[in-house]
């Protein structure tokens, strides 16, 4: 793979450069062809660059950006009044071609709005989608979208999400014709609102998408669907429910192991096996939600991510650079539009 550059919003997230910089150091060790441009406040970052041995690193550049976007800031206000924020400067590097991707743990709404304003959407795409690969029971991943960037979606928007998710899954997971489902209140074709039904009809009649029908929330992670499409409101609730249930399960398991001397002894014997079986469920391993549909690559890390989790977000950006996801989506979209045009003239 050729040399490539990631623009890093070092100030984003709950812990800012205290997480993003050591994660960068780790990623540079893993990828000898990776270059990183660290964007942030010089006064805060300079001493940390030295601490994490990045100050004179041959594959690291630094760009000063004095403004920081907090998690509470209003995205529209940020767009109008934060022209020197680390997030915006990092996105501008991608827009100019000085970086191949941007990674940020900052305010999701601000990242969405700034990315759309700075990078623009691909032709035929009205809204970018926030998508993440989540572990399923078959040992693979199911891509869930949208995760909250678009709370209300029309039929065409959901259709575009399905197409983009299919391309992303196909390239990153190396799957031929990944299966695509719409999240609904039942599997039956008569279930759901008019938007869902209309979208289902479009998907079923498109040869470029392997649509397999509706899927219910309790089936999200059984591996039947490689890509699950829904609006951002439902998708965000589904994701948070999944994460919350995972924490409840682990807490109850630990409580059961601590209940008696016998269970504590048994727990010590089984703990390595349980950890090995459940490690793929840890949220850190699927940190890194992608904003797809843009003319550039943008990956959003959890705001509360630790070093390991932020490293996974960088890894996601590297995969998308490797497969040139925006160009692949654009090519597939062109084929779909040509297909629709042919059908409309029959």
C-alpha atoms as a PDB file:
ATOM      1  CA  UNK A   1       0.000   0.000   0.000  1.00  0.00           C
ATOM      2  CA  UNK A   2       1.228   3.490  -0.847  1.00  0.00           C
ATOM      3  CA  UNK A   3       2.098   6.087   1.767  1.00  0.00           C
ATOM      4  CA  UNK A   4      -0.983   7.820   3.139  1.00  0.00           C
ATOM      5  CA  UNK A   5      -1.785  10.604   5.586  1.00  0.00           C
ATOM      6  CA  UNK A   6      -4.424  10.910   8.291  1.00  0.00           C
ATOM      7  CA  UNK A   7      -5.433  14.315   9.652  1.00  0.00           C
ATOM      8  CA  UNK A   8      -6.051  13.923  13.364  1.00  0.00           C
ATOM      9  CA  UNK A   9      -8.341  16.233  15.336  1.00  0.00           C
ATOM     10  CA  UNK A  10      -6.248  15.912  18.495  1.00  0.00           C
ATOM     11  CA  UNK A  11      -8.503  18.104  20.631  1.00  0.00           C
ATOM     12  CA  UNK A  12     -11.797  16.230  20.140  1.00  0.00           C
ATOM     13  CA  UNK A  13     -13.406  13.936  22.706  1.00  0.00           C
ATOM     14  CA  UNK A  14     -13.518  13.814  26.483  1.00  0.00           C
ATOM     15  CA  UNK A  15      -9.749  13.404  26.885  1.00  0.00           C
ATOM     16  CA  UNK A  16      -8.369  15.150  23.797  1.00  0.00           C
ATOM     17  CA  UNK A  17      -4.629  14.725  23.071  1.00  0.00           C
ATOM     18  CA  UNK A  18      -4.095  12.527  26.151  1.00  0.00           C
ATOM     19  CA  UNK A  19      -5.793   9.751  24.142  1.00  0.00           C
ATOM     20  CA  UNK A  20      -5.327  10.710  20.488  1.00  0.00           C
ATOM     21  CA  UNK A  21      -1.539  11.198  20.714  1.00  0.00           C
ATOM     22  CA  UNK A  22      -0.602   7.841  22.305  1.00  0.00           C
ATOM     23  CA  UNK A  23      -3.008   6.180  19.864  1.00  0.00           C
ATOM     24  CA  UNK A  24      -1.185   7.908  17.012  1.00  0.00           C
ATOM     25  CA  UNK A  25       2.141   6.679  18.333  1.00  0.00           C
ATOM     26  CA  UNK A  26       0.792   3.121  18.434  1.00  0.00           C
ATOM     27  CA  UNK A  27      -0.607   3.336  14.898  1.00  0.00           C
ATOM     28  CA  UNK A  28       2.664   4.675  13.505  1.00  0.00           C
ATOM     29  CA  UNK A  29       4.449   1.615  14.877  1.00  0.00           C
ATOM     30  CA  UNK A  30       1.886  -0.696  13.254  1.00  0.00           C
ATOM     31  CA  UNK A  31       1.931   1.009   9.836  1.00  0.00           C
ATOM     32  CA  UNK A  32       5.312   2.093   8.394  1.00  0.00           C
ATOM     33  CA  UNK A  33       3.580   3.837   5.453  1.00  0.00           C
ATOM     34  CA  UNK A  34       1.303   5.923   7.709  1.00  0.00           C
ATOM     35  CA  UNK A  35       1.843   9.666   8.085  1.00  0.00           C
ATOM     36  CA  UNK A  36      -0.146  11.713  10.596  1.00  0.00           C
ATOM     37  CA  UNK A  37      -0.850  15.430  10.694  1.00  0.00           C
ATOM     38  CA  UNK A  38      -1.802  16.316  14.253  1.00  0.00           C
ATOM     39  CA  UNK A  39      -4.111  19.329  14.504  1.00  0.00           C
ATOM     40  CA  UNK A  40      -4.636  21.197  17.771  1.00  0.00           C
ATOM     41  CA  UNK A  41      -3.666  23.911  20.199  1.00  0.00           C
ATOM     42  CA  UNK A  42       0.120  24.275  20.209  1.00  0.00           C
ATOM     43  CA  UNK A  43       0.272  25.345  23.859  1.00  0.00           C
ATOM     44  CA  UNK A  44      -1.491  22.169  25.008  1.00  0.00           C
ATOM     45  CA  UNK A  45      -0.051  19.691  22.531  1.00  0.00           C
ATOM     46  CA  UNK A  46       3.652  20.625  22.359  1.00  0.00           C
ATOM     47  CA  UNK A  47       4.673  19.101  25.724  1.00  0.00           C
ATOM     48  CA  UNK A  48       2.620  15.978  24.948  1.00  0.00           C
ATOM     49  CA  UNK A  49       4.309  15.504  21.563  1.00  0.00           C
ATOM     50  CA  UNK A  50       7.595  15.196  23.384  1.00  0.00           C
ATOM     51  CA  UNK A  51       6.113  12.885  26.020  1.00  0.00           C
ATOM     52  CA  UNK A  52       4.829  10.449  23.395  1.00  0.00           C
ATOM     53  CA  UNK A  53       7.982  10.701  21.231  1.00  0.00           C
ATOM     54  CA  UNK A  54       6.192  12.402  18.372  1.00  0.00           C
ATOM     55  CA  UNK A  55       7.934  15.787  18.418  1.00  0.00           C
ATOM     56  CA  UNK A  56      10.675  14.837  15.958  1.00  0.00           C
ATOM     57  CA  UNK A  57       9.026  11.808  14.404  1.00  0.00           C
ATOM     58  CA  UNK A  58       9.782  11.736  10.651  1.00  0.00           C
ATOM     59  CA  UNK A  59       6.190  10.803   9.768  1.00  0.00           C
ATOM     60  CA  UNK A  60       4.436  13.331  11.996  1.00  0.00           C
ATOM     61  CA  UNK A  61       3.512  16.927  11.217  1.00  0.00           C
ATOM     62  CA  UNK A  62       1.789  19.408  13.508  1.00  0.00           C
ATOM     63  CA  UNK A  63      -0.676  22.138  12.560  1.00  0.00           C
ATOM     64  CA  UNK A  64      -1.753  24.756  15.069  1.00  0.00           C
ATOM     65  CA  UNK A  65      -5.501  25.306  15.526  1.00  0.00           C
ATOM     66  CA  UNK A  66      -6.299  27.470  18.566  1.00  0.00           C
ATOM     67  CA  UNK A  67     -10.033  26.709  18.839  1.00  0.00           C
ATOM     68  CA  UNK A  68     -11.641  23.594  20.322  1.00  0.00           C
ATOM     69  CA  UNK A  69     -15.201  22.344  19.845  1.00  0.00           C
ATOM     70  CA  UNK A  70     -16.828  20.968  22.984  1.00  0.00           C
ATOM     71  CA  UNK A  71     -19.444  18.228  23.121  1.00  0.00           C
ATOM     72  CA  UNK A  72     -22.067  20.817  24.139  1.00  0.00           C
ATOM     73  CA  UNK A  73     -21.422  23.310  21.327  1.00  0.00           C
ATOM     74  CA  UNK A  74     -24.219  23.924  18.830  1.00  0.00           C
ATOM     75  CA  UNK A  75     -23.153  22.622  15.384  1.00  0.00           C
ATOM     76  CA  UNK A  76     -24.628  25.593  13.474  1.00  0.00           C
ATOM     77  CA  UNK A  77     -22.844  28.052  15.769  1.00  0.00           C
ATOM     78  CA  UNK A  78     -19.616  26.100  15.282  1.00  0.00           C
ATOM     79  CA  UNK A  79     -19.958  26.322  11.502  1.00  0.00           C
ATOM     80  CA  UNK A  80     -20.434  30.083  11.663  1.00  0.00           C
ATOM     81  CA  UNK A  81     -17.962  31.084  14.357  1.00  0.00           C
ATOM     82  CA  UNK A  82     -15.174  28.460  14.758  1.00  0.00           C
ATOM     83  CA  UNK A  83     -13.111  28.878  11.617  1.00  0.00           C
ATOM     84  CA  UNK A  84      -9.904  27.885  13.427  1.00  0.00           C
ATOM     85  CA  UNK A  85     -11.145  24.813  15.270  1.00  0.00           C
ATOM     86  CA  UNK A  86      -9.004  21.672  15.187  1.00  0.00           C
ATOM     87  CA  UNK A  87     -11.905  19.706  13.708  1.00  0.00           C
ATOM     88  CA  UNK A  88     -12.452  22.081  10.800  1.00  0.00           C
ATOM     89  CA  UNK A  89      -8.735  22.450  10.041  1.00  0.00           C
ATOM     90  CA  UNK A  90      -8.359  18.653   9.953  1.00  0.00           C
ATOM     91  CA  UNK A  91     -11.294  18.366   7.524  1.00  0.00           C
ATOM     92  CA  UNK A  92      -9.844  21.133   5.345  1.00  0.00           C
ATOM     93  CA  UNK A  93      -6.638  19.111   4.984  1.00  0.00           C
ATOM     94  CA  UNK A  94      -8.712  16.284   3.488  1.00  0.00           C
ATOM     95  CA  UNK A  95     -10.617  18.686   1.229  1.00  0.00           C
ATOM     96  CA  UNK A  96      -7.331  20.115  -0.135  1.00  0.00           C
ATOM     97  CA  UNK A  97      -5.867  16.673  -0.728  1.00  0.00           C
ATOM     98  CA  UNK A  98      -3.183  17.126   1.944  1.00  0.00           C
ATOM     99  CA  UNK A  99      -4.634  14.180   3.913  1.00  0.00           C
ATOM    100  CA  UNK A 100      -6.430  11.002   2.870  1.00  0.00           C
ATOM    101  CA  UNK A 101      -8.766  10.849   5.875  1.00  0.00           C
ATOM    102  CA  UNK A 102      -9.805  12.662   9.044  1.00  0.00           C
ATOM    103  CA  UNK A 103     -10.269  11.033  12.458  1.00  0.00           C
ATOM    104  CA  UNK A 104     -12.010  12.867  15.284  1.00  0.00           C
ATOM    105  CA  UNK A 105     -13.562  12.021  18.651  1.00  0.00           C
ATOM    106  CA  UNK A 106     -15.343  15.368  18.774  1.00  0.00           C
ATOM    107  CA  UNK A 107     -18.943  16.551  18.761  1.00  0.00           C
ATOM    108  CA  UNK A 108     -20.860  14.266  16.342  1.00  0.00           C
ATOM    109  CA  UNK A 109     -23.300  16.925  15.142  1.00  0.00           C
ATOM    110  CA  UNK A 110     -20.506  19.413  14.511  1.00  0.00           C
ATOM    111  CA  UNK A 111     -18.427  16.809  12.674  1.00  0.00           C
ATOM    112  CA  UNK A 112     -21.395  15.897  10.491  1.00  0.00           C
ATOM    113  CA  UNK A 113     -22.186  19.513   9.587  1.00  0.00           C
ATOM    114  CA  UNK A 114     -18.578  20.621   9.096  1.00  0.00           C
ATOM    115  CA  UNK A 115     -17.731  17.542   7.033  1.00  0.00           C
ATOM    116  CA  UNK A 116     -20.734  18.037   4.760  1.00  0.00           C
ATOM    117  CA  UNK A 117     -19.936  21.744   4.367  1.00  0.00           C
ATOM    118  CA  UNK A 118     -16.192  21.226   3.793  1.00  0.00           C
ATOM    119  CA  UNK A 119     -15.982  17.986   1.811  1.00  0.00           C
ATOM    120  CA  UNK A 120     -19.436  18.026   0.154  1.00  0.00           C
ATOM    121  CA  UNK A 121     -21.464  14.899  -0.549  1.00  0.00           C
ATOM    122  CA  UNK A 122     -21.002  12.588  -3.511  1.00  0.00           C
ATOM    123  CA  UNK A 123     -23.182  13.285  -6.528  1.00  0.00           C
ATOM    124  CA  UNK A 124     -26.592  11.729  -5.944  1.00  0.00           C
ATOM    125  CA  UNK A 125     -26.185  11.624  -2.147  1.00  0.00           C
ATOM    126  CA  UNK A 126     -28.088  14.245  -0.154  1.00  0.00           C
ATOM    127  CA  UNK A 127     -27.014  13.187   3.345  1.00  0.00           C
ATOM    128  CA  UNK A 128     -23.983  11.374   4.748  1.00  0.00           C
ATOM    129  CA  UNK A 129     -24.695   8.390   7.008  1.00  0.00           C
ATOM    130  CA  UNK A 130     -23.021   7.353  10.234  1.00  0.00           C
ATOM    131  CA  UNK A 131     -22.242   3.628  10.122  1.00  0.00           C
ATOM    132  CA  UNK A 132     -20.342   1.206  12.340  1.00  0.00           C
ATOM    133  CA  UNK A 133     -19.373  -2.467  12.108  1.00  0.00           C
ATOM    134  CA  UNK A 134     -20.732  -4.367  15.120  1.00  0.00           C
ATOM    135  CA  UNK A 135     -19.893  -7.971  16.090  1.00  0.00           C
ATOM    136  CA  UNK A 136     -22.483 -10.648  15.330  1.00  0.00           C
ATOM    137  CA  UNK A 137     -23.056 -14.225  16.443  1.00  0.00           C
ATOM    138  CA  UNK A 138     -21.423 -15.676  13.358  1.00  0.00           C
ATOM    139  CA  UNK A 139     -18.044 -14.240  14.250  1.00  0.00           C
ATOM    140  CA  UNK A 140     -18.250 -11.509  11.646  1.00  0.00           C
ATOM    141  CA  UNK A 141     -19.657  -7.986  11.575  1.00  0.00           C
ATOM    142  CA  UNK A 142     -23.018  -6.423  10.832  1.00  0.00           C
ATOM    143  CA  UNK A 143     -22.969  -2.837   9.603  1.00  0.00           C
ATOM    144  CA  UNK A 144     -25.674  -0.705  11.232  1.00  0.00           C
ATOM    145  CA  UNK A 145     -26.663   2.658   9.781  1.00  0.00           C
ATOM    146  CA  UNK A 146     -27.671   5.393  10.407  1.00  0.00           C
ATOM    147  CA  UNK A 147     -26.461   5.759  14.000  1.00  0.00           C
ATOM    148  CA  UNK A 148     -27.793   9.219  14.693  1.00  0.00           C
ATOM    149  CA  UNK A 149     -26.588  11.632  12.032  1.00  0.00           C
ATOM    150  CA  UNK A 150     -30.028  11.765  10.357  1.00  0.00           C
ATOM    151  CA  UNK A 151     -32.924  11.374  12.780  1.00  0.00           C
ATOM    152  CA  UNK A 152     -35.610  11.389  10.063  1.00  0.00           C
ATOM    153  CA  UNK A 153     -35.063   9.822   6.643  1.00  0.00           C
ATOM    154  CA  UNK A 154     -37.127   9.591   3.477  1.00  0.00           C
ATOM    155  CA  UNK A 155     -37.280   6.616   1.138  1.00  0.00           C
ATOM    156  CA  UNK A 156     -34.496   7.788  -1.208  1.00  0.00           C
ATOM    157  CA  UNK A 157     -32.199   8.526   1.730  1.00  0.00           C
ATOM    158  CA  UNK A 158     -32.671   5.023   3.154  1.00  0.00           C
ATOM    159  CA  UNK A 159     -32.082   3.558  -0.306  1.00  0.00           C
ATOM    160  CA  UNK A 160     -28.805   5.466  -0.598  1.00  0.00           C
ATOM    161  CA  UNK A 161     -27.792   4.288   2.869  1.00  0.00           C
ATOM    162  CA  UNK A 162     -28.360   0.690   1.776  1.00  0.00           C
ATOM    163  CA  UNK A 163     -26.230   1.178  -1.316  1.00  0.00           C
ATOM    164  CA  UNK A 164     -23.397   2.884   0.573  1.00  0.00           C
ATOM    165  CA  UNK A 165     -23.440   0.334   3.386  1.00  0.00           C
ATOM    166  CA  UNK A 166     -23.349  -2.498   0.873  1.00  0.00           C
ATOM    167  CA  UNK A 167     -20.255  -1.075  -0.831  1.00  0.00           C
ATOM    168  CA  UNK A 168     -18.495  -0.415   2.476  1.00  0.00           C
ATOM    169  CA  UNK A 169     -19.191  -3.926   3.774  1.00  0.00           C
ATOM    170  CA  UNK A 170     -18.235  -5.539   0.452  1.00  0.00           C
ATOM    171  CA  UNK A 171     -14.837  -3.830   0.350  1.00  0.00           C
ATOM    172  CA  UNK A 172     -13.805  -3.807   4.012  1.00  0.00           C
ATOM    173  CA  UNK A 173     -15.121  -7.269   4.870  1.00  0.00           C
ATOM    174  CA  UNK A 174     -14.289  -8.702   1.424  1.00  0.00           C
ATOM    175  CA  UNK A 175     -17.798 -10.097   0.961  1.00  0.00           C
ATOM    176  CA  UNK A 176     -19.418 -10.747  -2.382  1.00  0.00           C
ATOM    177  CA  UNK A 177     -22.966  -9.329  -2.490  1.00  0.00           C
ATOM    178  CA  UNK A 178     -23.400  -8.633   1.250  1.00  0.00           C
ATOM    179  CA  UNK A 179     -26.972  -9.110   2.453  1.00  0.00           C
ATOM    180  CA  UNK A 180     -28.956  -5.945   3.215  1.00  0.00           C
ATOM    181  CA  UNK A 181     -32.045  -5.585   5.450  1.00  0.00           C
ATOM    182  CA  UNK A 182     -34.318  -2.791   6.583  1.00  0.00           C
ATOM    183  CA  UNK A 183     -34.967  -2.568  10.329  1.00  0.00           C
ATOM    184  CA  UNK A 184     -38.707  -2.896  10.884  1.00  0.00           C
ATOM    185  CA  UNK A 185     -41.345  -3.883  13.448  1.00  0.00           C
ATOM    186  CA  UNK A 186     -41.804  -7.286  11.807  1.00  0.00           C
ATOM    187  CA  UNK A 187     -40.620  -9.455   8.922  1.00  0.00           C
ATOM    188  CA  UNK A 188     -43.982  -9.496   7.161  1.00  0.00           C
ATOM    189  CA  UNK A 189     -44.178  -7.398   3.987  1.00  0.00           C
ATOM    190  CA  UNK A 190     -47.313  -5.602   5.208  1.00  0.00           C
ATOM    191  CA  UNK A 191     -45.552  -4.285   8.337  1.00  0.00           C
ATOM    192  CA  UNK A 192     -44.016  -0.825   8.697  1.00  0.00           C
ATOM    193  CA  UNK A 193     -44.818   2.684   7.496  1.00  0.00           C
ATOM    194  CA  UNK A 194     -45.103   3.844   3.893  1.00  0.00           C
ATOM    195  CA  UNK A 195     -41.497   5.029   3.769  1.00  0.00           C
ATOM    196  CA  UNK A 196     -40.171   1.605   4.761  1.00  0.00           C
ATOM    197  CA  UNK A 197     -42.486  -0.209   2.345  1.00  0.00           C
ATOM    198  CA  UNK A 198     -41.573   2.033  -0.576  1.00  0.00           C
ATOM    199  CA  UNK A 199     -37.853   1.654   0.150  1.00  0.00           C
ATOM    200  CA  UNK A 200     -38.229  -2.127   0.404  1.00  0.00           C
ATOM    201  CA  UNK A 201     -39.809  -2.156  -3.058  1.00  0.00           C
ATOM    202  CA  UNK A 202     -36.936  -0.118  -4.533  1.00  0.00           C
ATOM    203  CA  UNK A 203     -34.309  -2.343  -2.933  1.00  0.00           C
ATOM    204  CA  UNK A 204     -36.013  -5.534  -4.075  1.00  0.00           C
ATOM    205  CA  UNK A 205     -35.909  -4.310  -7.676  1.00  0.00           C
ATOM    206  CA  UNK A 206     -32.245  -3.239  -7.737  1.00  0.00           C
ATOM    207  CA  UNK A 207     -29.714  -5.795  -8.949  1.00  0.00           C
ATOM    208  CA  UNK A 208     -26.799  -3.931  -7.342  1.00  0.00           C
ATOM    209  CA  UNK A 209     -28.064  -4.545  -3.788  1.00  0.00           C
ATOM    210  CA  UNK A 210     -28.627  -7.984  -2.263  1.00  0.00           C
ATOM    211  CA  UNK A 211     -31.803  -7.100  -0.374  1.00  0.00           C
ATOM    212  CA  UNK A 212     -33.136  -9.956   1.802  1.00  0.00           C
ATOM    213  CA  UNK A 213     -36.156  -8.300   3.420  1.00  0.00           C
ATOM    214  CA  UNK A 214     -37.016  -6.832   6.809  1.00  0.00           C
ATOM    215  CA  UNK A 215     -35.215  -7.595  10.045  1.00  0.00           C
ATOM    216  CA  UNK A 216     -36.432  -7.090  13.631  1.00  0.00           C
ATOM    217  CA  UNK A 217     -34.398  -5.563  16.445  1.00  0.00           C
ATOM    218  CA  UNK A 218     -33.921  -8.893  18.219  1.00  0.00           C
ATOM    219  CA  UNK A 219     -32.224 -10.248  15.069  1.00  0.00           C
ATOM    220  CA  UNK A 220     -29.803  -7.375  14.570  1.00  0.00           C
ATOM    221  CA  UNK A 221     -26.706  -9.266  15.603  1.00  0.00           C
ATOM    222  CA  UNK A 222     -27.494 -12.848  14.634  1.00  0.00           C
ATOM    223  CA  UNK A 223     -25.547 -12.408  11.396  1.00  0.00           C
ATOM    224  CA  UNK A 224     -28.464 -12.881   8.982  1.00  0.00           C
ATOM    225  CA  UNK A 225     -27.925  -9.414   7.546  1.00  0.00           C
ATOM    226  CA  UNK A 226     -24.498  -7.972   6.773  1.00  0.00           C
ATOM    227  CA  UNK A 227     -25.952  -4.453   6.496  1.00  0.00           C
ATOM    228  CA  UNK A 228     -28.939  -3.154   8.493  1.00  0.00           C
ATOM    229  CA  UNK A 229     -30.501   0.134   7.397  1.00  0.00           C
ATOM    230  CA  UNK A 230     -32.709   2.437   9.444  1.00  0.00           C
ATOM    231  CA  UNK A 231     -33.137   6.120  10.303  1.00  0.00           C
ATOM    232  CA  UNK A 232     -30.767   7.755  12.784  1.00  0.00           C
ATOM    233  CA  UNK A 233     -33.345   7.885  15.570  1.00  0.00           C
ATOM    234  CA  UNK A 234     -33.984   4.128  15.581  1.00  0.00           C
ATOM    235  CA  UNK A 235     -30.365   3.276  14.815  1.00  0.00           C
ATOM    236  CA  UNK A 236     -28.975   5.271  17.707  1.00  0.00           C
ATOM    237  CA  UNK A 237     -31.465   3.733  20.146  1.00  0.00           C
ATOM    238  CA  UNK A 238     -30.643   0.224  18.855  1.00  0.00           C
ATOM    239  CA  UNK A 239     -26.912   0.826  19.263  1.00  0.00           C
ATOM    240  CA  UNK A 240     -27.208   2.283  22.764  1.00  0.00           C
ATOM    241  CA  UNK A 241     -29.546  -0.565  23.813  1.00  0.00           C
ATOM    242  CA  UNK A 242     -27.003  -3.096  22.558  1.00  0.00           C
ATOM    243  CA  UNK A 243     -24.154  -1.433  24.439  1.00  0.00           C
ATOM    244  CA  UNK A 244     -26.260  -1.116  27.605  1.00  0.00           C
ATOM    245  CA  UNK A 245     -27.365  -4.749  27.491  1.00  0.00           C
ATOM    246  CA  UNK A 246     -23.739  -5.800  27.106  1.00  0.00           C
ATOM    247  CA  UNK A 247     -22.806  -3.939  30.279  1.00  0.00           C
ATOM    248  CA  UNK A 248     -25.747  -5.458  32.170  1.00  0.00           C
ATOM    249  CA  UNK A 249     -24.782  -8.960  31.048  1.00  0.00           C
ATOM    250  CA  UNK A 250     -21.154  -8.571  32.097  1.00  0.00           C
ATOM    251  CA  UNK A 251     -22.149  -7.035  35.441  1.00  0.00           C
ATOM    252  CA  UNK A 252     -24.595  -9.850  36.192  1.00  0.00           C
ATOM    253  CA  UNK A 253     -22.011 -12.442  35.206  1.00  0.00           C
ATOM    254  CA  UNK A 254     -19.474 -10.901  37.576  1.00  0.00           C
ATOM    255  CA  UNK A 255     -22.091 -10.730  40.345  1.00  0.00           C
ATOM    256  CA  UNK A 256     -22.875 -14.432  39.910  1.00  0.00           C
ATOM    257  CA  UNK A 257     -19.178 -15.323  40.076  1.00  0.00           C
ATOM    258  CA  UNK A 258     -18.709 -13.351  43.293  1.00  0.00           C
ATOM    259  CA  UNK A 259     -21.778 -14.835  45.040  1.00  0.00           C
ATOM    260  CA  UNK A 260     -20.174 -17.775  46.910  1.00  0.00           C
ATOM    261  CA  UNK A 261     -16.749 -19.220  47.573  1.00  0.00           C
ATOM    262  CA  UNK A 262     -17.511 -22.025  45.115  1.00  0.00           C
ATOM    263  CA  UNK A 263     -18.541 -19.617  42.330  1.00  0.00           C
ATOM    264  CA  UNK A 264     -15.445 -17.484  43.002  1.00  0.00           C
ATOM    265  CA  UNK A 265     -13.246 -20.567  42.636  1.00  0.00           C
ATOM    266  CA  UNK A 266     -15.108 -21.616  39.501  1.00  0.00           C
ATOM    267  CA  UNK A 267     -14.834 -18.067  38.200  1.00  0.00           C
ATOM    268  CA  UNK A 268     -11.045 -18.108  38.504  1.00  0.00           C
ATOM    269  CA  UNK A 269     -10.917 -21.300  36.476  1.00  0.00           C
ATOM    270  CA  UNK A 270     -13.364 -20.114  33.811  1.00  0.00           C
ATOM    271  CA  UNK A 271     -12.372 -16.446  33.642  1.00  0.00           C
ATOM    272  CA  UNK A 272      -9.686 -16.868  30.912  1.00  0.00           C
ATOM    273  CA  UNK A 273     -12.105 -18.887  28.758  1.00  0.00           C
ATOM    274  CA  UNK A 274     -14.965 -16.417  29.242  1.00  0.00           C
ATOM    275  CA  UNK A 275     -12.737 -13.425  28.473  1.00  0.00           C
ATOM    276  CA  UNK A 276     -11.510 -15.082  25.290  1.00  0.00           C
ATOM    277  CA  UNK A 277     -15.064 -15.867  24.142  1.00  0.00           C
ATOM    278  CA  UNK A 278     -16.424 -12.417  24.936  1.00  0.00           C
ATOM    279  CA  UNK A 279     -13.482 -10.228  23.896  1.00  0.00           C
ATOM    280  CA  UNK A 280     -14.968  -9.594  20.439  1.00  0.00           C
ATOM    281  CA  UNK A 281     -17.983  -7.962  22.130  1.00  0.00           C
ATOM    282  CA  UNK A 282     -15.919  -5.245  23.810  1.00  0.00           C
ATOM    283  CA  UNK A 283     -16.998  -1.777  22.550  1.00  0.00           C
ATOM    284  CA  UNK A 284     -13.356  -0.759  22.013  1.00  0.00           C
ATOM    285  CA  UNK A 285     -13.099  -3.278  19.174  1.00  0.00           C
ATOM    286  CA  UNK A 286     -15.824  -1.597  17.121  1.00  0.00           C
ATOM    287  CA  UNK A 287     -14.978   2.004  17.917  1.00  0.00           C
ATOM    288  CA  UNK A 288     -14.844   4.077  14.783  1.00  0.00           C
ATOM    289  CA  UNK A 289     -18.080   5.033  13.039  1.00  0.00           C
ATOM    290  CA  UNK A 290     -17.678   6.191   9.443  1.00  0.00           C
ATOM    291  CA  UNK A 291     -19.393   9.178   7.866  1.00  0.00           C
ATOM    292  CA  UNK A 292     -19.981   7.784   4.384  1.00  0.00           C
ATOM    293  CA  UNK A 293     -21.426   9.570   1.368  1.00  0.00           C
ATOM    294  CA  UNK A 294     -18.839  12.357   1.481  1.00  0.00           C
ATOM    295  CA  UNK A 295     -16.135  13.204  -1.058  1.00  0.00           C
ATOM    296  CA  UNK A 296     -13.566  12.231   1.533  1.00  0.00           C
ATOM    297  CA  UNK A 297     -13.046   9.787   4.395  1.00  0.00           C
ATOM    298  CA  UNK A 298     -14.137  10.802   7.904  1.00  0.00           C
ATOM    299  CA  UNK A 299     -14.126   8.475  10.922  1.00  0.00           C
ATOM    300  CA  UNK A 300     -15.775   9.364  14.232  1.00  0.00           C
ATOM    301  CA  UNK A 301     -14.387   7.870  17.433  1.00  0.00           C
ATOM    302  CA  UNK A 302     -16.366   7.585  20.678  1.00  0.00           C
ATOM    303  CA  UNK A 303     -15.860  10.729  22.722  1.00  0.00           C
ATOM    304  CA  UNK A 304     -14.967   8.614  25.768  1.00  0.00           C
ATOM    305  CA  UNK A 305     -12.609   6.290  23.859  1.00  0.00           C
ATOM    306  CA  UNK A 306      -9.411   5.058  25.498  1.00  0.00           C
ATOM    307  CA  UNK A 307      -6.106   4.633  23.648  1.00  0.00           C
ATOM    308  CA  UNK A 308      -6.954   1.169  22.341  1.00  0.00           C
ATOM    309  CA  UNK A 309     -10.375   2.263  21.118  1.00  0.00           C
ATOM    310  CA  UNK A 310      -9.004   5.363  19.376  1.00  0.00           C
ATOM    311  CA  UNK A 311      -6.390   3.167  17.697  1.00  0.00           C
ATOM    312  CA  UNK A 312      -9.233   1.100  16.244  1.00  0.00           C
ATOM    313  CA  UNK A 313     -10.795   4.277  14.843  1.00  0.00           C
ATOM    314  CA  UNK A 314      -7.514   5.039  13.062  1.00  0.00           C
ATOM    315  CA  UNK A 315      -7.495   1.446  11.765  1.00  0.00           C
ATOM    316  CA  UNK A 316     -10.981   1.965  10.300  1.00  0.00           C
ATOM    317  CA  UNK A 317      -9.757   5.059   8.450  1.00  0.00           C
ATOM    318  CA  UNK A 318      -6.796   3.098   7.084  1.00  0.00           C
ATOM    319  CA  UNK A 319      -9.104   0.370   5.729  1.00  0.00           C
ATOM    320  CA  UNK A 320     -11.263   2.946   3.968  1.00  0.00           C
ATOM    321  CA  UNK A 321      -8.198   4.613   2.463  1.00  0.00           C
ATOM    322  CA  UNK A 322      -6.962   1.232   1.266  1.00  0.00           C
ATOM    323  CA  UNK A 323     -10.238   0.466  -0.514  1.00  0.00           C
ATOM    324  CA  UNK A 324     -10.945   4.054  -1.634  1.00  0.00           C
ATOM    325  CA  UNK A 325     -14.504   3.843  -0.311  1.00  0.00           C
ATOM    326  CA  UNK A 326     -15.813   7.212  -1.628  1.00  0.00           C
ATOM    327  CA  UNK A 327     -14.746   6.333  -5.195  1.00  0.00           C
ATOM    328  CA  UNK A 328     -16.310   2.856  -4.905  1.00  0.00           C
ATOM    329  CA  UNK A 329     -19.609   4.299  -3.643  1.00  0.00           C
ATOM    330  CA  UNK A 330     -19.620   6.865  -6.438  1.00  0.00           C
ATOM    331  CA  UNK A 331     -19.075   4.177  -9.093  1.00  0.00           C
ATOM    332  CA  UNK A 332     -21.837   1.960  -7.669  1.00  0.00           C
ATOM    333  CA  UNK A 333     -24.227   4.892  -7.434  1.00  0.00           C
ATOM    334  CA  UNK A 334     -23.567   5.732 -11.074  1.00  0.00           C
ATOM    335  CA  UNK A 335     -24.516   2.163 -12.038  1.00  0.00           C
ATOM    336  CA  UNK A 336     -27.718   2.285  -9.992  1.00  0.00           C
ATOM    337  CA  UNK A 337     -28.776   5.630 -11.493  1.00  0.00           C
ATOM    338  CA  UNK A 338     -28.121   4.246 -14.983  1.00  0.00           C
ATOM    339  CA  UNK A 339     -30.259   1.210 -14.111  1.00  0.00           C
ATOM    340  CA  UNK A 340     -33.113   3.434 -12.937  1.00  0.00           C
ATOM    341  CA  UNK A 341     -32.840   5.566 -16.064  1.00  0.00           C
ATOM    342  CA  UNK A 342     -33.142   2.478 -18.275  1.00  0.00           C
ATOM    343  CA  UNK A 343     -36.184   1.246 -16.366  1.00  0.00           C
ATOM    344  CA  UNK A 344     -37.898   4.627 -16.608  1.00  0.00           C
ATOM    345  CA  UNK A 345     -37.576   4.580 -20.421  1.00  0.00           C
ATOM    346  CA  UNK A 346     -38.947   1.065 -20.887  1.00  0.00           C
END
